[in-house]
Amino acid sequence: MTGVETGPRTVVWRRRSLSLRVRVRTIVVCGVFCAILCALALLALCLGDLPLSVDEVASTFLGQPGGLVQTVVLEWRLPRVLAALLFGGALGLSGAIFQSLTRNPLASPDIIGLTAGSYAGGLIVIIVIGAGAGSAAVAGGAIGGGLIATALVYLLSYRRGVQGFRLIVVGIGISAMLEALSSYLVLRAKLEVAMLATVWGAGSLNSVGWAQLLPAAVVIIAVIIALGPLGGSLRQLELGDDAAKALGSRVERSRLGLVACAVALTAVVTGAAGPIAFVALAAPQIAQRITRTAGIALVPSALLGALMLLASDIVAQHLLPTSLPVGVVTVIVGGGYLVWLLVHEIRRRS
């Protein structure tokens, strides 16, 4: 039986044995996020060394202008815009999973060692192969490094289950060690290889084209589909392991599957664009405060992550005196947010 019920604050969708309850405020906020994303995407397609009007961009998608305008929009700017949307959404979703599992606002791939592991893995590939390392090889190294780092953090923090606080503390230690290793590798590398590694390590969408975007998109979409059956388990795990077991959830198996999905999302983005910091940390918390949900909501977190990365890329490209990698802007914004979050948590608990 399929049906939709609406109340003053919630919408309930039922289909046979499945039931989905969504707050009206969450739906409205997601709609606003989507509208802002569309406006920013259109703005990004118009801005550049060759300024274009909205009519020219719209006509390009209808196949009318052709020539240089079509090349600029479809081959140069569109892949970058889609990459910002897709990668930002993946990072926001990954951060939401980690923060939901640990029930800690500081839990994100940046903090617990996943980003550092992906960076070190990609860096090893760049240094071993040299300047000839292709994007596929670097992406493979980043994914492998992220998986190894996460497995190490998971095993070291495991003691009759994984507690959020232990996971974060162990992750911070592993992350510091991996960052020291990455710095050592860059210092010991040849100059041209070190420069290549530094540019990639800043986190940039400059080199992302259709060749890099399409494989990453396939993996990210596959992970999102795999997350579908695990969504209910994530809500149960937010209640604590004992409550989740009482509700029939296989706690460790579900947690391991969710962690694997979060790792894959971050590692793929790191492999394609380098380590883009703080989006995964800030997006879920800001989305939760805007939607006023009791827990971390996945869809608003993904949409806000996409919005943050696209807006940061526009600022990095067009609103600064010199064009910078997008990772520099996200570090500035995310670092300020992290300071505010730490001060807020200290005041709340004191």
C-alpha atoms as a PDB file:
ATOM      1  CA  MET A   1       0.000   0.000   0.000  1.00  0.00           C
ATOM      2  CA  THR A   2       1.372   3.379  -1.008  1.00  0.00           C
ATOM      3  CA  GLY A   3       0.306   6.685   0.424  1.00  0.00           C
ATOM      4  CA  VAL A   4       1.413  10.119   1.537  1.00  0.00           C
ATOM      5  CA  GLU A   5       0.179  11.724   4.741  1.00  0.00           C
ATOM      6  CA  THR A   6       0.813  15.362   5.613  1.00  0.00           C
ATOM      7  CA  GLY A   7       0.649  17.031   8.980  1.00  0.00           C
ATOM      8  CA  PRO A   8       1.418  20.510  10.271  1.00  0.00           C
ATOM      9  CA  ARG A   9       5.137  19.726  10.605  1.00  0.00           C
ATOM     10  CA  THR A  10       5.826  16.378   8.922  1.00  0.00           C
ATOM     11  CA  VAL A  11       5.195  14.453   5.719  1.00  0.00           C
ATOM     12  CA  VAL A  12       4.924  10.654   5.970  1.00  0.00           C
ATOM     13  CA  TRP A  13       5.409   8.450   2.907  1.00  0.00           C
ATOM     14  CA  ARG A  14       4.404   4.791   3.147  1.00  0.00           C
ATOM     15  CA  ARG A  15       4.970   1.956   0.696  1.00  0.00           C
ATOM     16  CA  ARG A  16       4.138  -1.533   1.876  1.00  0.00           C
ATOM     17  CA  SER A  17       6.379  -2.220   4.898  1.00  0.00           C
ATOM     18  CA  LEU A  18       8.488   0.927   4.405  1.00  0.00           C
ATOM     19  CA  SER A  19       7.731   4.244   6.037  1.00  0.00           C
ATOM     20  CA  LEU A  20       9.552   7.551   5.673  1.00  0.00           C
ATOM     21  CA  ARG A  21       8.850  10.573   7.865  1.00  0.00           C
ATOM     22  CA  VAL A  22      10.293  13.950   6.805  1.00  0.00           C
ATOM     23  CA  ARG A  23       9.829  17.280   8.550  1.00  0.00           C
ATOM     24  CA  VAL A  24       8.310  20.044   6.436  1.00  0.00           C
ATOM     25  CA  ARG A  25      11.112  22.412   7.475  1.00  0.00           C
ATOM     26  CA  THR A  26      13.685  19.952   6.115  1.00  0.00           C
ATOM     27  CA  ILE A  27      11.893  19.767   2.768  1.00  0.00           C
ATOM     28  CA  VAL A  28      11.727  23.569   2.538  1.00  0.00           C
ATOM     29  CA  VAL A  29      15.408  23.968   3.463  1.00  0.00           C
ATOM     30  CA  CYS A  30      16.445  21.376   0.871  1.00  0.00           C
ATOM     31  CA  GLY A  31      14.372  23.221  -1.737  1.00  0.00           C
ATOM     32  CA  VAL A  32      16.115  26.499  -0.867  1.00  0.00           C
ATOM     33  CA  PHE A  33      19.516  24.795  -1.070  1.00  0.00           C
ATOM     34  CA  CYS A  34      18.655  23.433  -4.527  1.00  0.00           C
ATOM     35  CA  ALA A  35      17.531  26.865  -5.738  1.00  0.00           C
ATOM     36  CA  ILE A  36      20.764  28.479  -4.507  1.00  0.00           C
ATOM     37  CA  LEU A  37      22.804  25.697  -6.125  1.00  0.00           C
ATOM     38  CA  CYS A  38      21.110  26.288  -9.486  1.00  0.00           C
ATOM     39  CA  ALA A  39      21.784  30.035  -9.255  1.00  0.00           C
ATOM     40  CA  LEU A  40      25.444  29.517  -8.312  1.00  0.00           C
ATOM     41  CA  ALA A  41      25.924  26.937 -11.069  1.00  0.00           C
ATOM     42  CA  LEU A  42      24.527  29.358 -13.646  1.00  0.00           C
ATOM     43  CA  LEU A  43      26.759  32.120 -12.282  1.00  0.00           C
ATOM     44  CA  ALA A  44      29.826  29.873 -12.497  1.00  0.00           C
ATOM     45  CA  LEU A  45      29.032  29.038 -16.129  1.00  0.00           C
ATOM     46  CA  CYS A  46      28.760  32.731 -16.968  1.00  0.00           C
ATOM     47  CA  LEU A  47      31.918  33.962 -15.212  1.00  0.00           C
ATOM     48  CA  GLY A  48      35.419  33.672 -16.636  1.00  0.00           C
ATOM     49  CA  ASP A  49      37.921  35.258 -18.996  1.00  0.00           C
ATOM     50  CA  LEU A  50      35.164  35.092 -21.600  1.00  0.00           C
ATOM     51  CA  PRO A  51      32.086  36.512 -19.832  1.00  0.00           C
ATOM     52  CA  LEU A  52      28.828  35.031 -21.071  1.00  0.00           C
ATOM     53  CA  SER A  53      25.233  36.073 -20.628  1.00  0.00           C
ATOM     54  CA  VAL A  54      22.541  33.804 -19.230  1.00  0.00           C
ATOM     55  CA  ASP A  55      20.960  33.620 -22.700  1.00  0.00           C
ATOM     56  CA  GLU A  56      24.237  32.447 -24.248  1.00  0.00           C
ATOM     57  CA  VAL A  57      24.663  29.729 -21.619  1.00  0.00           C
ATOM     58  CA  ALA A  58      21.060  28.580 -21.988  1.00  0.00           C
ATOM     59  CA  SER A  59      21.363  28.538 -25.776  1.00  0.00           C
ATOM     60  CA  THR A  60      24.491  26.395 -25.525  1.00  0.00           C
ATOM     61  CA  PHE A  61      22.553  23.593 -23.867  1.00  0.00           C
ATOM     62  CA  LEU A  62      20.048  23.816 -26.705  1.00  0.00           C
ATOM     63  CA  GLY A  63      22.867  23.361 -29.206  1.00  0.00           C
ATOM     64  CA  GLN A  64      22.500  26.761 -30.837  1.00  0.00           C
ATOM     65  CA  PRO A  65      25.706  28.869 -30.497  1.00  0.00           C
ATOM     66  CA  GLY A  66      28.387  26.285 -31.352  1.00  0.00           C
ATOM     67  CA  GLY A  67      32.002  27.290 -31.838  1.00  0.00           C
ATOM     68  CA  LEU A  68      34.016  28.819 -29.012  1.00  0.00           C
ATOM     69  CA  VAL A  69      31.068  29.476 -26.702  1.00  0.00           C
ATOM     70  CA  GLN A  70      30.004  25.831 -26.796  1.00  0.00           C
ATOM     71  CA  THR A  71      33.568  24.684 -26.084  1.00  0.00           C
ATOM     72  CA  VAL A  72      33.944  27.072 -23.159  1.00  0.00           C
ATOM     73  CA  VAL A  73      30.639  26.097 -21.545  1.00  0.00           C
ATOM     74  CA  LEU A  74      30.449  22.365 -22.220  1.00  0.00           C
ATOM     75  CA  GLU A  75      34.113  21.341 -22.225  1.00  0.00           C
ATOM     76  CA  TRP A  76      35.746  23.761 -19.779  1.00  0.00           C
ATOM     77  CA  ARG A  77      33.255  25.168 -17.297  1.00  0.00           C
ATOM     78  CA  LEU A  78      30.515  22.526 -17.025  1.00  0.00           C
ATOM     79  CA  PRO A  79      32.815  19.684 -15.807  1.00  0.00           C
ATOM     80  CA  ARG A  80      34.207  21.965 -13.116  1.00  0.00           C
ATOM     81  CA  VAL A  81      30.746  23.024 -11.931  1.00  0.00           C
ATOM     82  CA  LEU A  82      29.487  19.435 -11.856  1.00  0.00           C
ATOM     83  CA  ALA A  83      32.653  18.347 -10.045  1.00  0.00           C
ATOM     84  CA  ALA A  84      32.118  21.014  -7.373  1.00  0.00           C
ATOM     85  CA  LEU A  85      28.512  19.888  -6.902  1.00  0.00           C
ATOM     86  CA  LEU A  86      29.298  16.167  -6.870  1.00  0.00           C
ATOM     87  CA  PHE A  87      32.479  16.327  -4.792  1.00  0.00           C
ATOM     88  CA  GLY A  88      31.010  18.772  -2.293  1.00  0.00           C
ATOM     89  CA  GLY A  89      27.953  16.568  -1.892  1.00  0.00           C
ATOM     90  CA  ALA A  90      30.127  13.483  -1.393  1.00  0.00           C
ATOM     91  CA  LEU A  91      32.219  15.233   1.281  1.00  0.00           C
ATOM     92  CA  GLY A  92      29.134  16.526   3.094  1.00  0.00           C
ATOM     93  CA  LEU A  93      27.601  13.055   3.028  1.00  0.00           C
ATOM     94  CA  SER A  94      30.806  11.432   4.285  1.00  0.00           C
ATOM     95  CA  GLY A  95      31.066  13.895   7.168  1.00  0.00           C
ATOM     96  CA  ALA A  96      27.413  13.328   8.062  1.00  0.00           C
ATOM     97  CA  ILE A  97      27.975   9.560   8.296  1.00  0.00           C
ATOM     98  CA  PHE A  98      31.012   9.892  10.562  1.00  0.00           C
ATOM     99  CA  GLN A  99      29.354  12.468  12.817  1.00  0.00           C
ATOM    100  CA  SER A 100      26.207  10.338  13.090  1.00  0.00           C
ATOM    101  CA  LEU A 101      28.164   7.180  13.933  1.00  0.00           C
ATOM    102  CA  THR A 102      30.329   8.863  16.559  1.00  0.00           C
ATOM    103  CA  ARG A 103      27.692  11.335  17.782  1.00  0.00           C
ATOM    104  CA  ASN A 104      30.469  13.927  17.834  1.00  0.00           C
ATOM    105  CA  PRO A 105      30.519  17.206  15.826  1.00  0.00           C
ATOM    106  CA  LEU A 106      34.317  16.979  15.447  1.00  0.00           C
ATOM    107  CA  ALA A 107      34.231  13.632  13.654  1.00  0.00           C
ATOM    108  CA  SER A 108      35.045  14.083   9.974  1.00  0.00           C
ATOM    109  CA  PRO A 109      37.484  12.640   7.428  1.00  0.00           C
ATOM    110  CA  ASP A 110      39.760  15.640   8.063  1.00  0.00           C
ATOM    111  CA  ILE A 111      40.051  14.911  11.785  1.00  0.00           C
ATOM    112  CA  ILE A 112      40.159  11.111  12.015  1.00  0.00           C
ATOM    113  CA  GLY A 113      42.932  10.482   9.489  1.00  0.00           C
ATOM    114  CA  LEU A 114      41.046   9.524   6.335  1.00  0.00           C
ATOM    115  CA  THR A 115      42.001  12.632   4.347  1.00  0.00           C
ATOM    116  CA  ALA A 116      45.611  12.403   5.545  1.00  0.00           C
ATOM    117  CA  GLY A 117      45.748   8.740   4.479  1.00  0.00           C
ATOM    118  CA  SER A 118      44.342   9.517   1.041  1.00  0.00           C
ATOM    119  CA  TYR A 119      46.817  12.371   0.612  1.00  0.00           C
ATOM    120  CA  ALA A 120      49.753  10.182   1.637  1.00  0.00           C
ATOM    121  CA  GLY A 121      48.637   7.400  -0.718  1.00  0.00           C
ATOM    122  CA  GLY A 122      48.328   9.725  -3.685  1.00  0.00           C
ATOM    123  CA  LEU A 123      51.613  11.378  -2.762  1.00  0.00           C
ATOM    124  CA  ILE A 124      53.460   8.068  -2.769  1.00  0.00           C
ATOM    125  CA  VAL A 125      52.172   7.341  -6.275  1.00  0.00           C
ATOM    126  CA  ILE A 126      53.240  10.790  -7.513  1.00  0.00           C
ATOM    127  CA  ILE A 127      56.727  10.446  -6.029  1.00  0.00           C
ATOM    128  CA  VAL A 128      57.298   6.833  -7.095  1.00  0.00           C
ATOM    129  CA  ILE A 129      56.074   7.318 -10.678  1.00  0.00           C
ATOM    130  CA  GLY A 130      57.105  10.973 -10.905  1.00  0.00           C
ATOM    131  CA  ALA A 131      55.602  13.672 -13.086  1.00  0.00           C
ATOM    132  CA  GLY A 132      54.184  11.016 -15.403  1.00  0.00           C
ATOM    133  CA  ALA A 133      51.715   9.758 -12.817  1.00  0.00           C
ATOM    134  CA  GLY A 134      48.272   9.794 -14.407  1.00  0.00           C
ATOM    135  CA  SER A 135      45.087  10.838 -12.657  1.00  0.00           C
ATOM    136  CA  ALA A 136      43.876   7.229 -12.477  1.00  0.00           C
ATOM    137  CA  ALA A 137      47.058   6.102 -10.719  1.00  0.00           C
ATOM    138  CA  VAL A 138      46.916   8.993  -8.259  1.00  0.00           C
ATOM    139  CA  ALA A 139      43.237   8.292  -7.575  1.00  0.00           C
ATOM    140  CA  GLY A 140      44.027   4.622  -6.956  1.00  0.00           C
ATOM    141  CA  GLY A 141      46.780   5.565  -4.537  1.00  0.00           C
ATOM    142  CA  ALA A 142      44.497   7.979  -2.710  1.00  0.00           C
ATOM    143  CA  ILE A 143      41.750   5.382  -2.373  1.00  0.00           C
ATOM    144  CA  GLY A 144      44.231   2.765  -1.169  1.00  0.00           C
ATOM    145  CA  GLY A 145      45.796   5.160   1.337  1.00  0.00           C
ATOM    146  CA  GLY A 146      42.401   6.172   2.683  1.00  0.00           C
ATOM    147  CA  LEU A 147      41.321   2.557   3.117  1.00  0.00           C
ATOM    148  CA  ILE A 148      44.551   1.596   4.902  1.00  0.00           C
ATOM    149  CA  ALA A 149      44.445   4.623   7.215  1.00  0.00           C
ATOM    150  CA  THR A 150      40.796   4.033   8.105  1.00  0.00           C
ATOM    151  CA  ALA A 151      41.359   0.301   8.697  1.00  0.00           C
ATOM    152  CA  LEU A 152      44.280   1.149  10.993  1.00  0.00           C
ATOM    153  CA  VAL A 153      42.232   3.699  12.961  1.00  0.00           C
ATOM    154  CA  TYR A 154      39.301   1.282  13.183  1.00  0.00           C
ATOM    155  CA  LEU A 155      41.435  -1.613  14.444  1.00  0.00           C
ATOM    156  CA  LEU A 156      43.371   0.469  16.976  1.00  0.00           C
ATOM    157  CA  SER A 157      40.182   1.983  18.392  1.00  0.00           C
ATOM    158  CA  TYR A 158      38.289  -1.328  18.509  1.00  0.00           C
ATOM    159  CA  ARG A 159      37.665  -2.741  21.961  1.00  0.00           C
ATOM    160  CA  ARG A 160      34.491  -4.795  22.140  1.00  0.00           C
ATOM    161  CA  GLY A 161      33.078  -2.303  19.696  1.00  0.00           C
ATOM    162  CA  VAL A 162      34.109   1.124  18.425  1.00  0.00           C
ATOM    163  CA  GLN A 163      33.326   4.160  20.552  1.00  0.00           C
ATOM    164  CA  GLY A 164      33.218   7.601  18.949  1.00  0.00           C
ATOM    165  CA  PHE A 165      35.666   9.242  21.363  1.00  0.00           C
ATOM    166  CA  ARG A 166      38.315   6.526  20.909  1.00  0.00           C
ATOM    167  CA  LEU A 167      37.896   6.695  17.130  1.00  0.00           C
ATOM    168  CA  ILE A 168      38.521  10.450  17.105  1.00  0.00           C
ATOM    169  CA  VAL A 169      41.527  10.343  19.463  1.00  0.00           C
ATOM    170  CA  VAL A 170      43.198   7.508  17.562  1.00  0.00           C
ATOM    171  CA  GLY A 171      42.355   9.215  14.261  1.00  0.00           C
ATOM    172  CA  ILE A 172      43.998  12.462  15.349  1.00  0.00           C
ATOM    173  CA  GLY A 173      47.184  10.568  16.233  1.00  0.00           C
ATOM    174  CA  ILE A 174      47.252   8.612  12.961  1.00  0.00           C
ATOM    175  CA  SER A 175      46.516  11.787  11.014  1.00  0.00           C
ATOM    176  CA  ALA A 176      49.467  13.588  12.628  1.00  0.00           C
ATOM    177  CA  MET A 177      51.794  10.698  11.770  1.00  0.00           C
ATOM    178  CA  LEU A 178      50.602  10.576   8.159  1.00  0.00           C
ATOM    179  CA  GLU A 179      50.981  14.334   7.734  1.00  0.00           C
ATOM    180  CA  ALA A 180      54.557  14.071   9.021  1.00  0.00           C
ATOM    181  CA  LEU A 181      55.193  11.265   6.516  1.00  0.00           C
ATOM    182  CA  SER A 182      53.744  13.357   3.676  1.00  0.00           C
ATOM    183  CA  SER A 183      55.926  16.338   4.607  1.00  0.00           C
ATOM    184  CA  TYR A 184      59.010  14.101   4.650  1.00  0.00           C
ATOM    185  CA  LEU A 185      58.167  12.666   1.222  1.00  0.00           C
ATOM    186  CA  VAL A 186      57.730  16.131  -0.304  1.00  0.00           C
ATOM    187  CA  LEU A 187      60.988  17.399   1.178  1.00  0.00           C
ATOM    188  CA  ARG A 188      62.914  14.400  -0.154  1.00  0.00           C
ATOM    189  CA  ALA A 189      61.379  14.475  -3.649  1.00  0.00           C
ATOM    190  CA  LYS A 190      62.840  16.119  -6.723  1.00  0.00           C
ATOM    191  CA  LEU A 191      61.859  19.739  -7.260  1.00  0.00           C
ATOM    192  CA  GLU A 192      59.461  19.182 -10.165  1.00  0.00           C
ATOM    193  CA  VAL A 193      57.803  16.229  -8.421  1.00  0.00           C
ATOM    194  CA  ALA A 194      57.515  18.190  -5.172  1.00  0.00           C
ATOM    195  CA  MET A 195      55.855  21.072  -7.045  1.00  0.00           C
ATOM    196  CA  LEU A 196      53.383  18.668  -8.679  1.00  0.00           C
ATOM    197  CA  ALA A 197      52.602  17.077  -5.312  1.00  0.00           C
ATOM    198  CA  THR A 198      52.146  20.472  -3.653  1.00  0.00           C
ATOM    199  CA  VAL A 199      49.697  21.659  -6.315  1.00  0.00           C
ATOM    200  CA  TRP A 200      47.676  18.441  -6.017  1.00  0.00           C
ATOM    201  CA  GLY A 201      47.827  18.573  -2.219  1.00  0.00           C
ATOM    202  CA  ALA A 202      46.277  22.046  -2.107  1.00  0.00           C
ATOM    203  CA  GLY A 203      42.944  20.654  -3.321  1.00  0.00           C
ATOM    204  CA  SER A 204      41.946  22.091  -6.673  1.00  0.00           C
ATOM    205  CA  LEU A 205      39.352  21.613  -9.406  1.00  0.00           C
ATOM    206  CA  ASN A 206      41.615  23.146 -12.065  1.00  0.00           C
ATOM    207  CA  SER A 207      42.624  19.816 -13.591  1.00  0.00           C
ATOM    208  CA  VAL A 208      39.208  18.142 -13.353  1.00  0.00           C
ATOM    209  CA  GLY A 209      37.681  17.465 -16.761  1.00  0.00           C
ATOM    210  CA  TRP A 210      35.269  14.906 -18.115  1.00  0.00           C
ATOM    211  CA  ALA A 211      37.984  12.219 -17.991  1.00  0.00           C
ATOM    212  CA  GLN A 212      38.380  12.661 -14.236  1.00  0.00           C
ATOM    213  CA  LEU A 213      34.754  13.476 -13.450  1.00  0.00           C
ATOM    214  CA  LEU A 214      32.955  10.543 -15.062  1.00  0.00           C
ATOM    215  CA  PRO A 215      34.775   7.678 -13.250  1.00  0.00           C
ATOM    216  CA  ALA A 216      34.456   9.530  -9.929  1.00  0.00           C
ATOM    217  CA  ALA A 217      30.754  10.145 -10.578  1.00  0.00           C
ATOM    218  CA  VAL A 218      30.143   6.444 -11.234  1.00  0.00           C
ATOM    219  CA  VAL A 219      31.782   5.458  -7.942  1.00  0.00           C
ATOM    220  CA  ILE A 220      30.019   8.174  -5.923  1.00  0.00           C
ATOM    221  CA  ILE A 221      26.591   7.281  -7.348  1.00  0.00           C
ATOM    222  CA  ALA A 222      27.229   3.579  -6.664  1.00  0.00           C
ATOM    223  CA  VAL A 223      28.137   4.362  -3.043  1.00  0.00           C
ATOM    224  CA  ILE A 224      25.020   6.503  -2.608  1.00  0.00           C
ATOM    225  CA  ILE A 225      22.889   3.625  -3.906  1.00  0.00           C
ATOM    226  CA  ALA A 226      24.644   1.243  -1.483  1.00  0.00           C
ATOM    227  CA  LEU A 227      23.849   3.641   1.368  1.00  0.00           C
ATOM    228  CA  GLY A 228      20.114   3.212   0.789  1.00  0.00           C
ATOM    229  CA  PRO A 229      19.665  -0.053   2.744  1.00  0.00           C
ATOM    230  CA  LEU A 230      21.993   1.228   5.492  1.00  0.00           C
ATOM    231  CA  GLY A 231      20.035   4.414   6.184  1.00  0.00           C
ATOM    232  CA  GLY A 232      17.771   2.751   8.753  1.00  0.00           C
ATOM    233  CA  SER A 233      20.754   1.229  10.537  1.00  0.00           C
ATOM    234  CA  LEU A 234      22.408   4.645  10.768  1.00  0.00           C
ATOM    235  CA  ARG A 235      19.354   6.093  12.515  1.00  0.00           C
ATOM    236  CA  GLN A 236      19.368   3.146  14.939  1.00  0.00           C
ATOM    237  CA  LEU A 237      23.090   3.478  15.654  1.00  0.00           C
ATOM    238  CA  GLU A 238      22.548   7.109  16.611  1.00  0.00           C
ATOM    239  CA  LEU A 239      20.571   5.785  19.600  1.00  0.00           C
ATOM    240  CA  GLY A 240      23.590   3.816  20.853  1.00  0.00           C
ATOM    241  CA  ASP A 241      24.793   0.250  20.335  1.00  0.00           C
ATOM    242  CA  ASP A 242      22.532  -1.299  22.985  1.00  0.00           C
ATOM    243  CA  ALA A 243      19.411   0.346  21.617  1.00  0.00           C
ATOM    244  CA  ALA A 244      20.392  -0.574  18.045  1.00  0.00           C
ATOM    245  CA  LYS A 245      20.866  -4.228  19.048  1.00  0.00           C
ATOM    246  CA  ALA A 246      17.511  -4.224  20.789  1.00  0.00           C
ATOM    247  CA  LEU A 247      15.923  -2.980  17.556  1.00  0.00           C
ATOM    248  CA  GLY A 248      17.471  -5.878  15.640  1.00  0.00           C
ATOM    249  CA  SER A 249      20.375  -4.062  13.983  1.00  0.00           C
ATOM    250  CA  ARG A 250      23.644  -5.909  13.354  1.00  0.00           C
ATOM    251  CA  VAL A 251      25.730  -3.174  14.919  1.00  0.00           C
ATOM    252  CA  GLU A 252      29.294  -3.925  13.852  1.00  0.00           C
ATOM    253  CA  ARG A 253      28.351  -5.088  10.362  1.00  0.00           C
ATOM    254  CA  SER A 254      26.228  -1.978   9.777  1.00  0.00           C
ATOM    255  CA  ARG A 255      28.893   0.310  11.210  1.00  0.00           C
ATOM    256  CA  LEU A 256      31.586  -1.272   9.048  1.00  0.00           C
ATOM    257  CA  GLY A 257      29.439  -0.874   5.922  1.00  0.00           C
ATOM    258  CA  LEU A 258      28.704   2.777   6.700  1.00  0.00           C
ATOM    259  CA  VAL A 259      32.373   3.515   7.396  1.00  0.00           C
ATOM    260  CA  ALA A 260      33.355   1.840   4.113  1.00  0.00           C
ATOM    261  CA  CYS A 261      30.881   4.042   2.213  1.00  0.00           C
ATOM    262  CA  ALA A 262      32.154   7.201   3.924  1.00  0.00           C
ATOM    263  CA  VAL A 263      35.759   6.213   3.192  1.00  0.00           C
ATOM    264  CA  ALA A 264      34.984   5.577  -0.476  1.00  0.00           C
ATOM    265  CA  LEU A 265      33.270   8.961  -0.882  1.00  0.00           C
ATOM    266  CA  THR A 266      36.179  10.931   0.589  1.00  0.00           C
ATOM    267  CA  ALA A 267      38.922   8.874  -1.059  1.00  0.00           C
ATOM    268  CA  VAL A 268      37.406   9.244  -4.541  1.00  0.00           C
ATOM    269  CA  VAL A 269      37.152  13.014  -4.149  1.00  0.00           C
ATOM    270  CA  THR A 270      40.730  13.206  -2.854  1.00  0.00           C
ATOM    271  CA  GLY A 271      41.992  11.111  -5.728  1.00  0.00           C
ATOM    272  CA  ALA A 272      40.306  13.304  -8.331  1.00  0.00           C
ATOM    273  CA  ALA A 273      40.862  16.781  -6.857  1.00  0.00           C
ATOM    274  CA  GLY A 274      43.272  16.421  -3.945  1.00  0.00           C
ATOM    275  CA  PRO A 275      42.451  16.837  -0.253  1.00  0.00           C
ATOM    276  CA  ILE A 276      39.713  19.475   0.103  1.00  0.00           C
ATOM    277  CA  ALA A 277      39.545  20.218   3.813  1.00  0.00           C
ATOM    278  CA  PHE A 278      36.755  21.148   6.219  1.00  0.00           C
ATOM    279  CA  VAL A 279      33.737  20.715   3.926  1.00  0.00           C
ATOM    280  CA  ALA A 280      32.990  17.335   5.513  1.00  0.00           C
ATOM    281  CA  LEU A 281      33.425  18.842   8.979  1.00  0.00           C
ATOM    282  CA  ALA A 282      31.314  21.968   8.608  1.00  0.00           C
ATOM    283  CA  ALA A 283      28.488  21.026   6.208  1.00  0.00           C
ATOM    284  CA  PRO A 284      26.645  18.474   8.426  1.00  0.00           C
ATOM    285  CA  GLN A 285      26.703  20.712  11.499  1.00  0.00           C
ATOM    286  CA  ILE A 286      25.559  23.826   9.664  1.00  0.00           C
ATOM    287  CA  ALA A 287      22.818  21.851   7.898  1.00  0.00           C
ATOM    288  CA  GLN A 288      21.627  20.442  11.224  1.00  0.00           C
ATOM    289  CA  ARG A 289      21.396  23.919  12.734  1.00  0.00           C
ATOM    290  CA  ILE A 290      19.451  25.240   9.745  1.00  0.00           C
ATOM    291  CA  THR A 291      17.019  22.305   9.548  1.00  0.00           C
ATOM    292  CA  ARG A 292      16.810  21.996  13.368  1.00  0.00           C
ATOM    293  CA  THR A 293      16.736  18.217  13.209  1.00  0.00           C
ATOM    294  CA  ALA A 294      17.501  16.064  16.245  1.00  0.00           C
ATOM    295  CA  GLY A 295      20.258  14.184  14.395  1.00  0.00           C
ATOM    296  CA  ILE A 296      22.451  14.678  11.349  1.00  0.00           C
ATOM    297  CA  ALA A 297      20.328  14.589   8.185  1.00  0.00           C
ATOM    298  CA  LEU A 298      22.116  13.108   5.170  1.00  0.00           C
ATOM    299  CA  VAL A 299      20.397  14.903   2.287  1.00  0.00           C
ATOM    300  CA  PRO A 300      20.683  18.460   3.699  1.00  0.00           C
ATOM    301  CA  SER A 301      24.334  17.738   4.595  1.00  0.00           C
ATOM    302  CA  ALA A 302      25.097  16.635   1.036  1.00  0.00           C
ATOM    303  CA  LEU A 303      23.315  19.641  -0.490  1.00  0.00           C
ATOM    304  CA  LEU A 304      25.082  22.100   1.813  1.00  0.00           C
ATOM    305  CA  GLY A 305      28.433  20.440   1.090  1.00  0.00           C
ATOM    306  CA  ALA A 306      27.823  20.946  -2.622  1.00  0.00           C
ATOM    307  CA  LEU A 307      26.822  24.557  -1.995  1.00  0.00           C
ATOM    308  CA  MET A 308      29.925  25.236   0.118  1.00  0.00           C
ATOM    309  CA  LEU A 309      32.353  23.795  -2.428  1.00  0.00           C
ATOM    310  CA  LEU A 310      30.748  25.511  -5.436  1.00  0.00           C
ATOM    311  CA  ALA A 311      30.626  28.870  -3.643  1.00  0.00           C
ATOM    312  CA  SER A 312      34.236  28.457  -2.470  1.00  0.00           C
ATOM    313  CA  ASP A 313      35.349  27.649  -6.014  1.00  0.00           C
ATOM    314  CA  ILE A 314      33.651  30.770  -7.378  1.00  0.00           C
ATOM    315  CA  VAL A 315      35.413  32.855  -4.714  1.00  0.00           C
ATOM    316  CA  ALA A 316      38.766  31.166  -5.394  1.00  0.00           C
ATOM    317  CA  GLN A 317      38.498  31.725  -9.161  1.00  0.00           C
ATOM    318  CA  HIS A 318      36.851  35.105  -9.564  1.00  0.00           C
ATOM    319  CA  LEU A 319      36.619  37.141  -6.344  1.00  0.00           C
ATOM    320  CA  LEU A 320      40.246  37.180  -5.220  1.00  0.00           C
ATOM    321  CA  PRO A 321      43.130  39.182  -6.703  1.00  0.00           C
ATOM    322  CA  THR A 322      44.845  35.949  -7.723  1.00  0.00           C
ATOM    323  CA  SER A 323      43.173  32.676  -8.643  1.00  0.00           C
ATOM    324  CA  LEU A 324      43.749  30.113  -5.880  1.00  0.00           C
ATOM    325  CA  PRO A 325      42.998  26.403  -5.394  1.00  0.00           C
ATOM    326  CA  VAL A 326      39.568  25.903  -3.879  1.00  0.00           C
ATOM    327  CA  GLY A 327      41.128  24.035  -0.948  1.00  0.00           C
ATOM    328  CA  VAL A 328      42.704  27.279   0.268  1.00  0.00           C
ATOM    329  CA  VAL A 329      39.284  28.948   0.546  1.00  0.00           C
ATOM    330  CA  THR A 330      37.663  25.950   2.270  1.00  0.00           C
ATOM    331  CA  VAL A 331      40.515  25.865   4.804  1.00  0.00           C
ATOM    332  CA  ILE A 332      39.948  29.536   5.652  1.00  0.00           C
ATOM    333  CA  VAL A 333      36.184  29.146   5.952  1.00  0.00           C
ATOM    334  CA  GLY A 334      36.327  25.759   7.659  1.00  0.00           C
ATOM    335  CA  GLY A 335      39.112  26.790  10.009  1.00  0.00           C
ATOM    336  CA  GLY A 336      37.064  29.741  11.226  1.00  0.00           C
ATOM    337  CA  TYR A 337      34.081  27.441  11.703  1.00  0.00           C
ATOM    338  CA  LEU A 338      36.203  24.921  13.643  1.00  0.00           C
ATOM    339  CA  VAL A 339      37.398  27.637  16.044  1.00  0.00           C
ATOM    340  CA  TRP A 340      33.796  28.761  16.587  1.00  0.00           C
ATOM    341  CA  LEU A 341      32.645  25.159  17.138  1.00  0.00           C
ATOM    342  CA  LEU A 342      35.368  24.468  19.707  1.00  0.00           C
ATOM    343  CA  VAL A 343      34.580  27.671  21.628  1.00  0.00           C
ATOM    344  CA  HIS A 344      30.856  26.874  21.489  1.00  0.00           C
ATOM    345  CA  GLU A 345      31.388  23.324  22.801  1.00  0.00           C
ATOM    346  CA  ILE A 346      33.651  24.527  25.629  1.00  0.00           C
ATOM    347  CA  ARG A 347      31.116  27.143  26.724  1.00  0.00           C
ATOM    348  CA  ARG A 348      28.259  24.662  26.489  1.00  0.00           C
ATOM    349  CA  ARG A 349      29.992  22.099  28.728  1.00  0.00           C
ATOM    350  CA  SER A 350      31.455  24.579  31.234  1.00  0.00           C
END
